[in-house]
N, C-alpha and C. Protein backbone atom coordinates (compact mmCIF):
# COMPACT_ATOMS: atom_id res chain seq x y z
N MET A 1 445.86 -68.21 81.04
CA MET A 1 446.17 -69.43 82.09
C MET A 1 446.22 -70.95 81.54
N GLU A 2 446.87 -71.58 81.64
CA GLU A 2 446.70 -72.85 80.75
C GLU A 2 445.77 -73.97 81.19
N PRO A 3 445.14 -75.02 80.69
CA PRO A 3 444.74 -76.10 81.63
C PRO A 3 445.41 -77.09 82.38
N ARG A 4 445.16 -77.72 82.94
CA ARG A 4 446.09 -78.45 83.86
C ARG A 4 446.07 -80.05 82.97
N ILE A 5 446.98 -80.96 83.39
CA ILE A 5 447.08 -82.33 83.09
C ILE A 5 446.35 -82.81 84.33
N GLU A 6 445.76 -83.79 84.01
CA GLU A 6 444.69 -84.33 85.47
C GLU A 6 445.99 -85.28 85.27
N ARG A 7 446.11 -86.40 84.68
CA ARG A 7 446.70 -87.65 84.87
C ARG A 7 447.47 -88.40 83.54
N THR A 8 448.29 -89.11 83.22
CA THR A 8 448.71 -89.63 82.28
C THR A 8 447.76 -90.44 81.95
N LEU A 9 447.00 -91.20 81.17
CA LEU A 9 446.43 -92.33 80.11
C LEU A 9 447.30 -93.26 79.70
N ILE A 10 448.07 -93.08 78.64
CA ILE A 10 448.89 -93.98 78.60
C ILE A 10 450.04 -93.87 78.54
N SER A 11 451.47 -94.27 78.81
CA SER A 11 452.65 -93.97 79.10
C SER A 11 453.26 -94.08 78.28
N GLU A 12 454.45 -93.76 77.68
CA GLU A 12 455.48 -93.46 76.55
C GLU A 12 455.82 -95.19 76.07
N VAL A 13 456.04 -95.80 77.59
CA VAL A 13 456.53 -97.33 77.04
C VAL A 13 454.89 -97.87 76.57
N GLN A 14 454.11 -97.83 77.24
CA GLN A 14 453.06 -98.56 76.43
C GLN A 14 452.33 -98.03 75.21
N ILE A 15 452.77 -96.57 75.04
CA ILE A 15 452.77 -96.53 73.29
C ILE A 15 453.83 -96.95 72.34
N LYS A 16 454.86 -97.01 72.63
CA LYS A 16 455.76 -98.04 72.07
C LYS A 16 455.49 -99.43 71.72
N GLN A 17 455.04 -99.89 72.87
CA GLN A 17 454.85 -101.39 72.86
C GLN A 17 454.01 -101.88 71.69
N ARG A 18 452.81 -101.02 72.05
CA ARG A 18 451.40 -101.09 71.21
C ARG A 18 451.59 -100.80 69.53
N VAL A 19 452.51 -99.97 69.43
CA VAL A 19 452.95 -99.17 68.16
C VAL A 19 453.70 -100.20 67.28
N ARG A 20 454.46 -100.91 68.23
CA ARG A 20 455.27 -101.72 67.43
C ARG A 20 454.58 -103.39 67.21
N GLU A 21 453.47 -103.14 68.21
CA GLU A 21 452.29 -104.38 67.60
C GLU A 21 451.61 -104.24 66.32
N LEU A 22 451.08 -102.68 66.60
CA LEU A 22 450.52 -102.82 65.36
C LEU A 22 451.30 -102.44 64.21
N ALA A 23 452.35 -102.12 64.35
CA ALA A 23 453.51 -102.49 63.01
C ALA A 23 453.57 -103.51 62.71
N ASP A 24 453.65 -105.00 63.62
CA ASP A 24 453.91 -105.85 62.89
C ASP A 24 452.51 -106.61 62.19
N ASP A 25 451.14 -106.36 62.78
CA ASP A 25 449.97 -106.51 62.39
C ASP A 25 450.02 -106.20 60.39
N ILE A 26 450.08 -104.85 60.44
CA ILE A 26 450.50 -104.63 59.27
C ILE A 26 451.43 -105.00 58.52
N SER A 27 452.79 -105.46 59.15
CA SER A 27 453.29 -106.26 57.97
C SER A 27 453.19 -107.44 57.70
N ARG A 28 452.53 -108.01 58.62
CA ARG A 28 452.03 -109.34 57.96
C ARG A 28 451.24 -109.52 57.18
N ASP A 29 449.82 -108.30 57.30
CA ASP A 29 449.02 -108.22 56.03
C ASP A 29 448.98 -107.83 54.91
N TYR A 30 450.19 -107.01 55.04
CA TYR A 30 450.73 -106.59 53.76
C TYR A 30 452.09 -107.13 53.04
N LYS A 31 452.39 -108.21 53.77
CA LYS A 31 453.71 -108.77 53.13
C LYS A 31 453.55 -108.97 51.35
N GLY A 32 454.60 -108.50 50.87
CA GLY A 32 454.54 -108.61 49.49
C GLY A 32 453.58 -107.56 48.87
N LYS A 33 453.41 -106.55 49.82
CA LYS A 33 452.63 -105.30 49.14
C LYS A 33 453.39 -103.87 49.20
N ILE A 34 453.09 -102.87 48.88
CA ILE A 34 453.80 -101.55 49.22
C ILE A 34 452.53 -100.77 50.02
N PRO A 35 452.18 -100.64 50.83
CA PRO A 35 450.91 -99.84 51.49
C PRO A 35 451.61 -98.30 51.04
N THR A 36 450.63 -97.42 51.05
CA THR A 36 450.47 -96.19 50.73
C THR A 36 450.02 -95.67 52.69
N LEU A 37 451.02 -95.16 53.57
CA LEU A 37 450.27 -94.69 54.81
C LEU A 37 449.87 -93.25 54.55
N VAL A 38 448.70 -92.78 54.47
CA VAL A 38 448.05 -91.25 54.68
C VAL A 38 447.75 -90.67 56.06
N SER A 39 448.72 -90.06 56.18
CA SER A 39 448.54 -89.29 57.80
C SER A 39 447.54 -88.22 57.67
N ILE A 40 446.81 -87.91 59.05
CA ILE A 40 445.89 -86.91 58.77
C ILE A 40 446.86 -86.09 59.58
N LEU A 41 447.65 -84.83 59.60
CA LEU A 41 448.30 -84.00 59.89
C LEU A 41 447.34 -83.29 60.95
N LYS A 42 447.70 -82.55 62.36
CA LYS A 42 448.93 -82.90 62.28
C LYS A 42 449.09 -83.58 63.09
N GLY A 43 447.82 -84.09 63.90
CA GLY A 43 448.67 -85.12 65.02
C GLY A 43 449.04 -86.26 64.75
N GLY A 44 448.02 -86.70 63.62
CA GLY A 44 448.84 -88.04 62.68
C GLY A 44 450.64 -88.34 63.18
N ILE A 45 450.94 -87.39 62.61
CA ILE A 45 452.73 -87.18 62.27
C ILE A 45 453.57 -87.84 62.95
N ILE A 46 453.02 -88.30 64.54
CA ILE A 46 454.29 -88.74 65.68
C ILE A 46 454.08 -90.15 65.36
N PHE A 47 452.56 -90.18 65.50
CA PHE A 47 452.33 -91.69 65.07
C PHE A 47 452.92 -92.50 64.12
N LEU A 48 452.33 -92.05 63.01
CA LEU A 48 453.25 -92.58 61.78
C LEU A 48 454.50 -92.52 61.68
N THR A 49 455.32 -91.61 62.31
CA THR A 49 456.87 -91.73 62.46
C THR A 49 457.07 -92.89 62.88
N ASP A 50 456.39 -92.82 64.29
CA ASP A 50 457.20 -93.99 65.07
C ASP A 50 456.77 -95.78 64.37
N LEU A 51 455.01 -95.47 63.60
CA LEU A 51 454.89 -96.69 62.87
C LEU A 51 455.47 -97.32 62.02
N MET A 52 455.70 -96.23 60.51
CA MET A 52 456.85 -96.88 59.99
C MET A 52 458.16 -97.02 60.14
N ARG A 53 459.00 -96.66 61.07
CA ARG A 53 460.24 -97.22 61.60
C ARG A 53 459.81 -98.84 62.24
N ASP A 54 458.94 -98.90 62.63
CA ASP A 54 458.60 -100.38 63.03
C ASP A 54 458.13 -101.52 62.08
N LEU A 55 457.63 -100.53 60.87
CA LEU A 55 457.23 -101.73 59.78
C LEU A 55 458.49 -102.25 58.89
N THR A 56 457.96 -103.58 59.05
CA THR A 56 459.31 -104.49 57.89
C THR A 56 458.93 -104.45 56.67
N VAL A 57 457.83 -103.72 56.27
CA VAL A 57 457.54 -103.96 54.80
C VAL A 57 457.86 -102.63 53.72
N LEU A 58 457.88 -102.78 52.54
CA LEU A 58 458.30 -101.42 51.91
C LEU A 58 456.95 -100.95 51.90
N HIS A 59 457.15 -99.13 52.17
CA HIS A 59 455.71 -98.44 52.01
C HIS A 59 455.93 -97.18 51.04
N GLU A 60 455.12 -96.73 51.57
CA GLU A 60 455.08 -95.03 50.70
C GLU A 60 454.48 -94.43 51.80
N ILE A 61 454.59 -93.25 51.83
CA ILE A 61 453.47 -92.13 52.47
C ILE A 61 453.54 -91.16 51.93
N ASP A 62 452.29 -90.49 52.63
CA ASP A 62 451.68 -89.25 51.75
C ASP A 62 451.07 -88.88 53.15
N PHE A 63 450.22 -87.59 52.98
CA PHE A 63 449.71 -86.45 54.08
C PHE A 63 448.31 -86.03 53.62
N MET A 64 447.44 -85.68 54.34
CA MET A 64 446.12 -84.84 53.94
C MET A 64 445.99 -83.98 55.60
N SER A 65 445.48 -82.56 55.87
CA SER A 65 445.70 -81.91 56.66
C SER A 65 443.55 -81.38 56.24
N VAL A 66 443.61 -81.69 57.72
CA VAL A 66 441.68 -81.36 57.39
C VAL A 66 441.90 -80.74 59.05
N SER A 67 440.57 -80.11 58.88
CA SER A 67 440.16 -79.59 60.25
C SER A 67 438.34 -79.75 60.71
N SER A 68 437.96 -80.09 61.83
CA SER A 68 437.23 -79.78 62.27
C SER A 68 436.91 -79.34 63.40
N TYR A 69 437.88 -78.61 63.99
CA TYR A 69 437.96 -78.02 65.24
C TYR A 69 438.22 -76.41 65.13
N ASP A 70 437.80 -75.74 65.72
CA ASP A 70 438.45 -74.26 65.54
C ASP A 70 439.68 -74.09 66.96
N SER A 71 439.59 -73.30 67.88
CA SER A 71 440.63 -73.28 68.57
C SER A 71 440.44 -74.02 69.79
N GLY A 72 438.86 -74.26 70.70
CA GLY A 72 438.31 -75.00 71.24
C GLY A 72 438.79 -76.46 71.27
N MET A 73 438.14 -77.15 72.36
CA MET A 73 438.02 -78.67 72.74
C MET A 73 436.45 -79.51 72.46
N GLU A 74 436.03 -78.31 71.51
CA GLU A 74 435.05 -79.53 70.56
C GLU A 74 434.73 -79.17 69.61
N THR A 75 434.67 -80.35 68.67
CA THR A 75 434.74 -80.27 66.90
C THR A 75 433.39 -79.53 66.31
N THR A 76 433.54 -78.77 65.47
CA THR A 76 432.91 -77.84 64.62
C THR A 76 431.75 -78.98 64.20
N GLY A 77 432.14 -80.29 64.07
CA GLY A 77 431.19 -80.73 63.01
C GLY A 77 431.08 -80.99 61.49
N VAL A 78 431.92 -79.16 60.67
CA VAL A 78 432.46 -79.08 59.36
C VAL A 78 433.42 -79.34 59.29
N VAL A 79 433.66 -80.43 58.21
CA VAL A 79 434.99 -80.87 58.07
C VAL A 79 435.85 -79.72 56.60
N ARG A 80 437.23 -79.50 56.71
CA ARG A 80 437.54 -78.49 55.50
C ARG A 80 438.77 -79.01 55.59
N ILE A 81 438.99 -79.29 54.34
CA ILE A 81 440.70 -80.23 54.06
C ILE A 81 441.19 -78.95 53.77
N LEU A 82 442.55 -78.98 54.22
CA LEU A 82 443.25 -77.84 54.19
C LEU A 82 444.67 -77.92 53.50
N ALA A 83 444.97 -79.74 53.02
CA ALA A 83 445.61 -79.98 52.48
C ALA A 83 445.63 -81.72 51.74
N ASP A 84 445.89 -81.44 50.41
CA ASP A 84 445.09 -83.07 50.27
C ASP A 84 446.70 -83.82 49.71
N LEU A 85 446.15 -85.11 48.89
CA LEU A 85 447.17 -85.89 48.88
C LEU A 85 448.38 -85.08 48.04
N SER A 86 449.05 -85.51 47.87
CA SER A 86 450.63 -85.44 46.66
C SER A 86 450.27 -86.14 45.56
N ARG A 87 450.09 -87.30 45.84
CA ARG A 87 449.60 -88.15 44.44
C ARG A 87 448.46 -89.17 44.78
N ASN A 88 448.24 -89.63 43.16
CA ASN A 88 447.42 -90.70 43.04
C ASN A 88 447.39 -91.78 43.90
N ILE A 89 446.09 -91.85 44.28
CA ILE A 89 445.63 -93.65 44.82
C ILE A 89 445.11 -95.13 44.89
N GLU A 90 444.50 -94.29 42.81
CA GLU A 90 444.24 -95.27 42.40
C GLU A 90 444.95 -96.47 42.16
N GLY A 91 444.70 -97.36 42.46
CA GLY A 91 444.91 -99.21 42.47
C GLY A 91 445.85 -99.80 43.49
N LYS A 92 445.97 -98.45 44.40
CA LYS A 92 447.13 -98.63 45.64
C LYS A 92 446.24 -99.17 47.11
N ASP A 93 447.26 -99.47 47.81
CA ASP A 93 446.72 -100.41 48.90
C ASP A 93 446.89 -99.16 49.88
N VAL A 94 445.41 -98.60 50.36
CA VAL A 94 446.07 -97.22 51.70
C VAL A 94 445.30 -97.70 52.78
N ILE A 95 446.53 -97.26 53.88
CA ILE A 95 445.94 -96.89 55.03
C ILE A 95 446.07 -95.42 55.93
N ILE A 96 444.83 -95.26 56.03
CA ILE A 96 444.99 -93.69 57.13
C ILE A 96 445.31 -94.13 58.46
N VAL A 97 446.63 -93.65 58.78
CA VAL A 97 446.86 -93.40 59.88
C VAL A 97 446.52 -92.17 60.70
N GLU A 98 445.60 -92.25 61.97
CA GLU A 98 444.70 -91.48 62.25
C GLU A 98 445.44 -91.17 63.97
N ASP A 99 445.37 -90.19 64.56
CA ASP A 99 445.94 -90.44 66.05
C ASP A 99 444.77 -90.72 66.95
N ILE A 100 443.58 -89.91 66.48
CA ILE A 100 442.60 -90.14 67.52
C ILE A 100 440.94 -90.50 66.28
N VAL A 101 440.18 -91.19 66.80
CA VAL A 101 439.02 -91.54 66.27
C VAL A 101 437.94 -91.28 67.38
N ASP A 102 437.37 -90.02 67.10
CA ASP A 102 436.14 -89.12 68.27
C ASP A 102 434.65 -89.59 67.74
N SER A 103 434.34 -88.92 66.70
CA SER A 103 432.73 -88.80 66.77
C SER A 103 432.83 -89.87 65.40
N GLY A 104 433.70 -89.64 64.52
CA GLY A 104 434.00 -90.33 63.42
C GLY A 104 433.40 -89.55 62.11
N LEU A 105 433.14 -88.22 62.72
CA LEU A 105 432.54 -87.35 61.47
C LEU A 105 433.79 -86.86 60.16
N THR A 106 434.83 -86.83 61.01
CA THR A 106 436.18 -86.39 60.34
C THR A 106 436.65 -87.49 59.21
N LEU A 107 436.72 -88.65 60.23
CA LEU A 107 437.39 -89.81 59.49
C LEU A 107 436.34 -90.60 58.32
N ASP A 108 435.31 -90.02 58.80
CA ASP A 108 434.09 -91.00 57.47
C ASP A 108 434.11 -90.32 56.69
N TYR A 109 433.88 -88.83 55.94
CA TYR A 109 434.25 -87.82 55.53
C TYR A 109 435.31 -87.73 54.40
N ILE A 110 436.80 -88.21 55.48
CA ILE A 110 438.24 -88.49 54.73
C ILE A 110 437.55 -89.80 53.57
N ARG A 111 437.38 -90.45 54.63
CA ARG A 111 437.11 -92.32 53.92
C ARG A 111 436.61 -92.14 52.93
N HIS A 112 435.20 -91.38 52.71
CA HIS A 112 434.64 -91.29 51.48
C HIS A 112 435.12 -90.79 50.47
N ILE A 113 436.16 -89.64 50.45
CA ILE A 113 436.83 -88.81 49.62
C ILE A 113 437.95 -89.91 48.69
N LEU A 114 438.44 -90.83 49.97
CA LEU A 114 439.64 -91.40 49.50
C LEU A 114 439.18 -92.86 48.74
N LEU A 115 438.14 -93.16 49.15
CA LEU A 115 437.08 -94.45 48.42
C LEU A 115 437.22 -94.25 46.88
N ALA A 116 436.48 -92.33 46.96
CA ALA A 116 435.72 -92.14 45.14
C ALA A 116 437.54 -91.75 44.84
N ARG A 117 438.06 -91.99 45.05
CA ARG A 117 439.46 -92.54 44.22
C ARG A 117 440.33 -93.68 43.92
N HIS A 118 439.19 -94.70 44.17
CA HIS A 118 439.77 -95.80 43.66
C HIS A 118 440.90 -96.63 44.00
N PRO A 119 440.87 -96.57 45.65
CA PRO A 119 442.57 -97.26 45.81
C PRO A 119 441.93 -99.11 45.64
N ARG A 120 442.85 -99.74 45.94
CA ARG A 120 442.63 -101.24 45.81
C ARG A 120 442.29 -101.48 47.08
N SER A 121 442.38 -101.08 47.97
CA SER A 121 442.00 -101.23 49.35
C SER A 121 442.43 -100.13 50.13
N LEU A 122 441.58 -99.68 51.24
CA LEU A 122 441.30 -98.88 52.47
C LEU A 122 441.16 -99.22 53.64
N LYS A 123 442.40 -99.32 54.42
CA LYS A 123 441.86 -99.76 55.72
C LYS A 123 442.72 -98.19 56.64
N ILE A 124 441.92 -98.56 57.90
CA ILE A 124 442.18 -97.68 59.00
C ILE A 124 443.15 -98.15 59.88
N CYS A 125 443.84 -97.12 60.43
CA CYS A 125 445.14 -97.30 61.79
C CYS A 125 444.75 -96.16 62.68
N THR A 126 444.36 -96.33 63.46
CA THR A 126 444.47 -95.52 65.00
C THR A 126 444.83 -95.50 65.97
N LEU A 127 445.31 -94.95 66.40
CA LEU A 127 446.34 -94.76 67.93
C LEU A 127 445.35 -95.10 69.00
N LEU A 128 444.20 -94.54 68.77
CA LEU A 128 443.19 -94.04 70.01
C LEU A 128 442.06 -94.26 69.21
N ASP A 129 441.30 -95.03 70.32
CA ASP A 129 439.63 -94.67 69.33
C ASP A 129 438.65 -94.61 71.12
N LYS A 130 438.39 -93.57 70.62
CA LYS A 130 437.15 -92.87 71.76
C LYS A 130 435.67 -93.22 71.19
N LYS A 131 435.48 -94.49 71.47
CA LYS A 131 433.89 -94.94 70.73
C LYS A 131 432.94 -94.37 71.74
N ALA A 132 432.92 -93.63 73.19
CA ALA A 132 431.88 -93.00 73.54
C ALA A 132 431.24 -92.18 73.30
N ARG A 133 432.31 -91.10 71.88
CA ARG A 133 431.76 -90.24 71.37
C ARG A 133 431.41 -90.19 69.91
N ARG A 134 431.15 -91.51 69.54
CA ARG A 134 430.90 -91.58 67.99
C ARG A 134 429.95 -91.21 67.41
N LEU A 135 429.38 -90.65 66.91
CA LEU A 135 428.61 -90.07 66.06
C LEU A 135 428.31 -90.82 64.43
N VAL A 136 429.31 -91.46 63.66
CA VAL A 136 428.87 -92.18 62.41
C VAL A 136 430.24 -93.22 63.01
N GLU A 137 429.47 -94.34 62.54
CA GLU A 137 430.75 -95.75 62.63
C GLU A 137 431.38 -96.05 61.48
N VAL A 138 432.98 -95.83 61.57
CA VAL A 138 433.46 -96.04 60.58
C VAL A 138 434.59 -97.36 60.81
N PRO A 139 434.62 -98.13 60.05
CA PRO A 139 435.34 -99.40 60.18
C PRO A 139 436.98 -99.21 60.45
N ILE A 140 437.39 -99.42 61.23
CA ILE A 140 438.62 -99.63 62.27
C ILE A 140 439.57 -100.95 61.57
N ASP A 141 440.37 -100.60 61.14
CA ASP A 141 441.27 -102.19 61.35
C ASP A 141 442.13 -102.60 61.90
N TYR A 142 442.86 -101.54 62.65
CA TYR A 142 443.67 -101.66 63.64
C TYR A 142 443.82 -100.42 64.79
N ILE A 143 443.63 -100.83 65.85
CA ILE A 143 443.53 -100.31 67.11
C ILE A 143 444.24 -100.21 67.97
N GLY A 144 445.31 -98.62 68.78
CA GLY A 144 445.92 -98.81 69.59
C GLY A 144 445.56 -99.11 70.64
N PHE A 145 444.54 -98.44 71.16
CA PHE A 145 443.94 -98.28 72.40
C PHE A 145 442.40 -97.51 72.34
N GLU A 146 441.85 -98.28 72.97
CA GLU A 146 440.12 -97.29 73.32
C GLU A 146 440.37 -96.27 74.81
N ILE A 147 440.45 -95.32 74.44
CA ILE A 147 439.77 -94.73 75.28
C ILE A 147 438.69 -93.98 76.03
N PRO A 148 438.96 -93.46 77.39
CA PRO A 148 437.16 -93.30 77.56
C PRO A 148 436.85 -91.48 77.10
N ASN A 149 435.86 -90.91 77.37
CA ASN A 149 435.58 -89.86 76.85
C ASN A 149 436.30 -88.73 77.73
N GLU A 150 437.59 -88.64 77.34
CA GLU A 150 437.90 -87.91 78.10
C GLU A 150 438.54 -86.76 77.07
N PHE A 151 439.35 -85.14 77.29
CA PHE A 151 440.28 -84.76 76.34
C PHE A 151 441.65 -84.95 76.22
N VAL A 152 442.26 -85.01 75.63
CA VAL A 152 443.43 -86.01 75.78
C VAL A 152 444.64 -85.25 74.80
N ILE A 153 445.59 -85.03 75.39
CA ILE A 153 446.52 -84.19 74.47
C ILE A 153 447.87 -85.44 74.76
N GLY A 154 449.00 -84.99 73.96
CA GLY A 154 450.24 -85.21 73.87
C GLY A 154 450.51 -86.51 72.51
N TYR A 155 451.92 -87.08 73.01
CA TYR A 155 451.71 -87.54 71.19
C TYR A 155 451.33 -87.52 70.20
N GLY A 156 451.03 -85.62 69.46
CA GLY A 156 450.76 -85.46 68.84
C GLY A 156 449.58 -84.88 68.88
N LEU A 157 448.55 -84.73 69.39
CA LEU A 157 447.32 -84.44 69.90
C LEU A 157 447.61 -82.99 70.85
N ASP A 158 447.09 -82.21 70.50
CA ASP A 158 447.61 -80.85 71.09
C ASP A 158 445.83 -80.16 71.55
N TYR A 159 446.02 -79.19 72.09
CA TYR A 159 445.00 -78.03 72.86
C TYR A 159 445.40 -76.53 72.38
N GLN A 160 445.26 -76.22 71.00
CA GLN A 160 445.41 -74.82 70.69
C GLN A 160 447.45 -75.22 70.73
N GLU A 161 447.22 -75.62 69.47
CA GLU A 161 448.70 -76.15 69.21
C GLU A 161 449.55 -76.55 69.94
N LYS A 162 449.38 -76.52 71.29
CA LYS A 162 450.83 -76.99 72.56
C LYS A 162 449.91 -78.11 72.90
N TYR A 163 451.43 -78.97 73.74
CA TYR A 163 451.41 -80.56 73.88
C TYR A 163 451.52 -81.49 72.92
N ARG A 164 451.88 -80.53 71.80
CA ARG A 164 452.27 -82.25 70.93
C ARG A 164 453.49 -82.91 71.32
N ASN A 165 453.94 -82.55 71.59
CA ASN A 165 455.53 -83.33 71.83
C ASN A 165 455.58 -83.66 72.87
N LEU A 166 454.66 -83.74 74.04
CA LEU A 166 454.53 -85.05 75.14
C LEU A 166 454.95 -86.28 74.73
N PRO A 167 455.56 -87.26 75.42
CA PRO A 167 455.83 -88.63 75.22
C PRO A 167 454.57 -89.50 75.26
N TYR A 168 453.81 -89.33 75.99
CA TYR A 168 452.50 -90.04 76.45
C TYR A 168 451.59 -89.14 76.30
N VAL A 169 450.34 -89.93 76.52
CA VAL A 169 448.87 -89.20 76.31
C VAL A 169 448.26 -89.08 77.72
N ALA A 170 447.98 -87.74 77.49
CA ALA A 170 447.55 -87.37 79.29
C ALA A 170 446.18 -87.25 79.13
N ILE A 171 445.58 -87.08 79.95
CA ILE A 171 443.83 -86.41 80.32
C ILE A 171 443.92 -84.99 80.70
N MET A 172 443.96 -84.11 80.00
CA MET A 172 443.78 -82.17 80.19
C MET A 172 442.50 -81.65 80.65
N VAL A 173 442.48 -81.21 82.06
CA VAL A 173 441.03 -80.48 82.19
C VAL A 173 441.15 -79.08 82.00
N PRO A 174 440.14 -78.61 81.53
CA PRO A 174 440.41 -76.92 81.26
C PRO A 174 440.33 -76.36 82.35
N ASN A 175 440.72 -74.98 82.30
CA ASN A 175 440.26 -74.43 83.08
C ASN A 175 439.13 -73.68 83.62
N GLU A 176 438.68 -73.62 84.72
CA GLU A 176 437.18 -73.28 85.66
C GLU A 176 436.65 -71.98 85.30
């Protein structure tokens, strides 16, 4: 039996508008530069795709796959790199594109790994910021939406690899 969707938290229209605004901000900040957008897979891929379509600056993309969840709704606290970047970022302007910042543990880990590779700059862009769950503070430069401490799915976010395809972000309630 699948968990149920309680309600839509952020509509498809709201997401499209905010992604466009974030792309405008990034395009303005990186005018004359070619940033490398690093998507954290799997959840960040939809956000990355929509974001890059709205950018007006040239850019490159790369991917990392990390995991701090097993199959449940709570982080394990242990970050594992499943796939690393395919190219060198030394001397490049890098933007980590993340679907959600929750505890901050995973993003802090990724941030330190990437900083050790000596990029010219490193910024973070997240669609969703769940500050109420933050255990480690990380500097977030571009924030789509601040959300409450609820388990969310859709627009790339999943529950047991399902629901990523929803064009909106919804609150999910586990079965009891």
